């Protein structure tokens, strides 16, 4: 990764961290630069505004989402893999997702909401391809949302160990 890309990534990580840990108002340009160990001028070189930082996070999520769509679409057991991987794990994707979720709740950050909706589109496309049924794909996506939220709130212990197995069993009984 080139130095400029590393700096850009550090700035996005810093902004993400500030939003997650302290809320949207804490994610100022000065605080983001300080958190990343970059001068404010250095931040402005990469991101000219707070909106540009939000758009940077949205772009980061889009890269993940497109790669995940391709990966899932190629798997013979995409449904099982998707549901089992719906557990929140504090991975880079999870942090970007959570920051955008917080930002998307505010009217002034439409780019965050749009990024989250595009994520749904990527997941729906992969699941529809894997399952052959857009309605079933939507059901699986929403069940996965529930698994994600449940584990994000209380860790993997918040989800009974056999939950995904039971859900997969029920889905297997559906026509189609």
Protein backbone atom coordinates (compact mmCIF):
# COMPACT_ATOMS: atom_id res chain seq x y z
CA UNK A 1 0.00 0.00 0.00
CA UNK A 2 1.42 3.39 -0.99
CA UNK A 3 2.07 5.98 1.71
CA UNK A 4 -0.86 8.14 0.60
CA UNK A 5 -3.21 5.15 0.74
CA UNK A 6 -1.91 4.27 4.22
CA UNK A 7 -2.54 7.80 5.44
CA UNK A 8 -6.00 7.83 3.90
CA UNK A 9 -6.79 4.50 5.56
CA UNK A 10 -5.49 5.73 8.93
CA UNK A 11 -7.69 8.82 8.66
CA UNK A 12 -10.76 6.72 7.88
CA UNK A 13 -9.93 4.37 10.77
CA UNK A 14 -9.60 7.37 13.09
CA UNK A 15 -12.88 8.91 11.96
CA UNK A 16 -14.61 5.55 12.25
CA UNK A 17 -13.26 5.09 15.78
CA UNK A 18 -14.33 8.55 16.91
CA UNK A 19 -17.86 8.08 15.57
CA UNK A 20 -18.24 4.63 17.13
CA UNK A 21 -16.71 5.46 20.49
CA UNK A 22 -17.86 9.05 20.99
CA UNK A 23 -20.57 9.82 18.44
CA UNK A 24 -20.84 11.82 15.25
CA UNK A 25 -20.08 15.19 16.86
CA UNK A 26 -16.72 13.90 18.10
CA UNK A 27 -15.66 13.13 14.53
CA UNK A 28 -14.44 16.63 13.76
CA UNK A 29 -11.67 17.24 11.26
CA UNK A 30 -9.26 18.31 14.01
CA UNK A 31 -10.07 15.30 16.21
CA UNK A 32 -9.78 12.93 13.26
CA UNK A 33 -6.39 14.36 12.29
CA UNK A 34 -5.20 14.11 15.89
CA UNK A 35 -6.46 10.55 16.30
CA UNK A 36 -4.69 9.52 13.09
CA UNK A 37 -1.47 11.36 13.97
CA UNK A 38 -1.74 13.52 10.86
CA UNK A 39 -1.71 17.30 10.55
CA UNK A 40 -5.01 18.98 9.76
CA UNK A 41 -3.50 20.01 6.42
CA UNK A 42 -2.65 16.37 5.76
CA UNK A 43 -6.23 15.40 6.49
CA UNK A 44 -7.54 18.14 4.20
CA UNK A 45 -5.29 16.89 1.42
CA UNK A 46 -7.12 13.54 1.52
CA UNK A 47 -10.55 14.62 2.76
CA UNK A 48 -11.67 18.20 2.24
CA UNK A 49 -14.58 17.99 4.67
CA UNK A 50 -16.44 15.82 7.13
CA UNK A 51 -18.78 14.87 4.29
CA UNK A 52 -15.75 13.61 2.37
CA UNK A 53 -14.83 11.42 5.35
CA UNK A 54 -18.37 9.98 5.40
CA UNK A 55 -18.10 9.34 1.66
CA UNK A 56 -14.74 7.67 2.26
CA UNK A 57 -16.37 5.28 4.71
CA UNK A 58 -19.18 4.69 2.21
CA UNK A 59 -16.60 3.85 -0.46
CA UNK A 60 -14.84 1.49 1.96
CA UNK A 61 -18.12 -0.34 2.60
CA UNK A 62 -18.82 -0.53 -1.14
CA UNK A 63 -15.48 -2.23 -1.79
CA UNK A 64 -16.29 -4.80 0.89
CA UNK A 65 -19.84 -5.30 -0.34
CA UNK A 66 -18.87 -5.87 -3.97
CA UNK A 67 -16.20 -8.40 -2.97
CA UNK A 68 -18.63 -10.15 -0.63
CA UNK A 69 -21.28 -10.35 -3.35
CA UNK A 70 -18.80 -12.03 -5.71
CA UNK A 71 -17.59 -14.41 -2.99
CA UNK A 72 -21.08 -15.45 -1.89
CA UNK A 73 -22.39 -15.86 -5.42
CA UNK A 74 -19.62 -18.40 -6.11
CA UNK A 75 -20.31 -20.55 -3.04
CA UNK A 76 -22.48 -23.66 -3.33
CA UNK A 77 -23.55 -23.21 0.31
CA UNK A 78 -23.96 -19.41 0.26
CA UNK A 79 -27.06 -19.47 2.47
CA UNK A 80 -25.35 -21.36 5.27
CA UNK A 81 -22.13 -19.37 5.00
CA UNK A 82 -24.01 -16.06 4.95
CA UNK A 83 -26.05 -16.85 8.06
CA UNK A 84 -23.12 -18.30 9.98
CA UNK A 85 -21.02 -15.24 9.16
CA UNK A 86 -23.76 -12.84 10.28
CA UNK A 87 -22.30 -12.80 13.77
CA UNK A 88 -20.80 -9.40 14.62
CA UNK A 89 -17.07 -9.89 15.13
CA UNK A 90 -15.55 -6.41 15.48
CA UNK A 91 -13.76 -6.87 12.18
CA UNK A 92 -12.92 -3.92 9.89
CA UNK A 93 -16.21 -4.41 8.03
CA UNK A 94 -18.16 -4.36 11.30
CA UNK A 95 -16.52 -1.12 12.40
CA UNK A 96 -17.23 0.59 9.08
CA UNK A 97 -20.81 -0.69 9.13
CA UNK A 98 -21.41 0.53 12.70
CA UNK A 99 -19.93 3.96 12.01
CA UNK A 100 -22.10 4.37 8.90
CA UNK A 101 -25.14 3.16 10.83
CA UNK A 102 -24.57 5.87 13.43
CA UNK A 103 -23.95 8.50 10.77
CA UNK A 104 -26.91 7.37 8.68
CA UNK A 105 -29.32 8.15 11.49
CA UNK A 106 -28.63 11.85 11.00
CA UNK A 107 -30.29 13.79 8.18
CA UNK A 108 -27.07 15.42 7.06
CA UNK A 109 -25.34 12.14 6.19
CA UNK A 110 -27.36 10.75 3.29
CA UNK A 111 -24.19 9.15 1.87
CA UNK A 112 -24.09 6.85 4.91
CA UNK A 113 -27.70 5.73 4.41
CA UNK A 114 -27.14 5.21 0.71
CA UNK A 115 -24.06 3.07 1.40
CA UNK A 116 -26.03 0.86 3.77
CA UNK A 117 -28.82 0.45 1.22
CA UNK A 118 -26.25 -0.51 -1.45
CA UNK A 119 -24.87 -3.11 0.95
CA UNK A 120 -28.34 -4.64 1.13
CA UNK A 121 -28.51 -4.65 -2.68
CA UNK A 122 -25.20 -6.53 -2.91
CA UNK A 123 -26.27 -9.09 -0.34
CA UNK A 124 -29.69 -9.50 -1.95
CA UNK A 125 -28.13 -10.02 -5.36
CA UNK A 126 -25.78 -12.73 -4.07
CA UNK A 127 -28.51 -14.46 -2.06
CA UNK A 128 -31.02 -14.29 -4.91
CA UNK A 129 -28.46 -15.87 -7.22
CA UNK A 130 -27.67 -18.57 -4.68
CA UNK A 131 -31.27 -19.30 -3.69
CA UNK A 132 -33.08 -18.54 -6.95
CA UNK A 133 -35.86 -16.71 -5.12
CA UNK A 134 -35.77 -12.96 -4.34
CA UNK A 135 -38.38 -13.27 -1.58
CA UNK A 136 -36.45 -16.01 0.19
CA UNK A 137 -33.26 -13.95 -0.26
CA UNK A 138 -34.97 -11.00 1.45
CA UNK A 139 -36.12 -13.23 4.32
CA UNK A 140 -32.59 -14.57 4.80
CA UNK A 141 -31.14 -11.04 4.70
CA UNK A 142 -33.52 -9.83 7.40
CA UNK A 143 -32.88 -12.90 9.56
CA UNK A 144 -29.16 -12.20 9.17
CA UNK A 145 -29.78 -8.59 10.27
CA UNK A 146 -31.33 -9.96 13.46
CA UNK A 147 -28.40 -12.29 14.09
CA UNK A 148 -25.98 -9.42 13.52
CA UNK A 149 -27.78 -6.99 15.85
CA UNK A 150 -28.24 -9.61 18.54
CA UNK A 151 -24.55 -10.51 18.58
CA UNK A 152 -23.43 -6.88 18.22
CA UNK A 153 -25.34 -6.07 21.40
CA UNK A 154 -24.21 -9.01 23.46
CA UNK A 155 -21.43 -10.84 21.68
CA UNK A 156 -21.70 -14.35 20.32
CA UNK A 157 -22.99 -15.52 23.72
CA UNK A 158 -26.19 -13.52 23.08
CA UNK A 159 -27.16 -16.01 20.40
CA UNK A 160 -27.98 -19.56 21.50
CA UNK A 161 -25.42 -21.94 20.01
CA UNK A 162 -27.93 -23.86 17.90
CA UNK A 163 -29.82 -20.82 16.59
CA UNK A 164 -28.33 -20.78 13.10
CA UNK A 165 -28.72 -24.56 12.79
CA UNK A 166 -32.40 -24.26 13.72
CA UNK A 167 -32.93 -21.36 11.29
CA UNK A 168 -31.23 -23.29 8.48
CA UNK A 169 -33.44 -26.29 9.28
CA UNK A 170 -36.58 -24.18 9.02
CA UNK A 171 -35.43 -22.56 5.78
CA UNK A 172 -34.82 -26.00 4.31
CA UNK A 173 -38.49 -26.84 4.81
CA UNK A 174 -39.71 -23.90 2.73
CA UNK A 175 -40.91 -24.63 -0.80
CA UNK A 176 -38.55 -23.70 -3.58
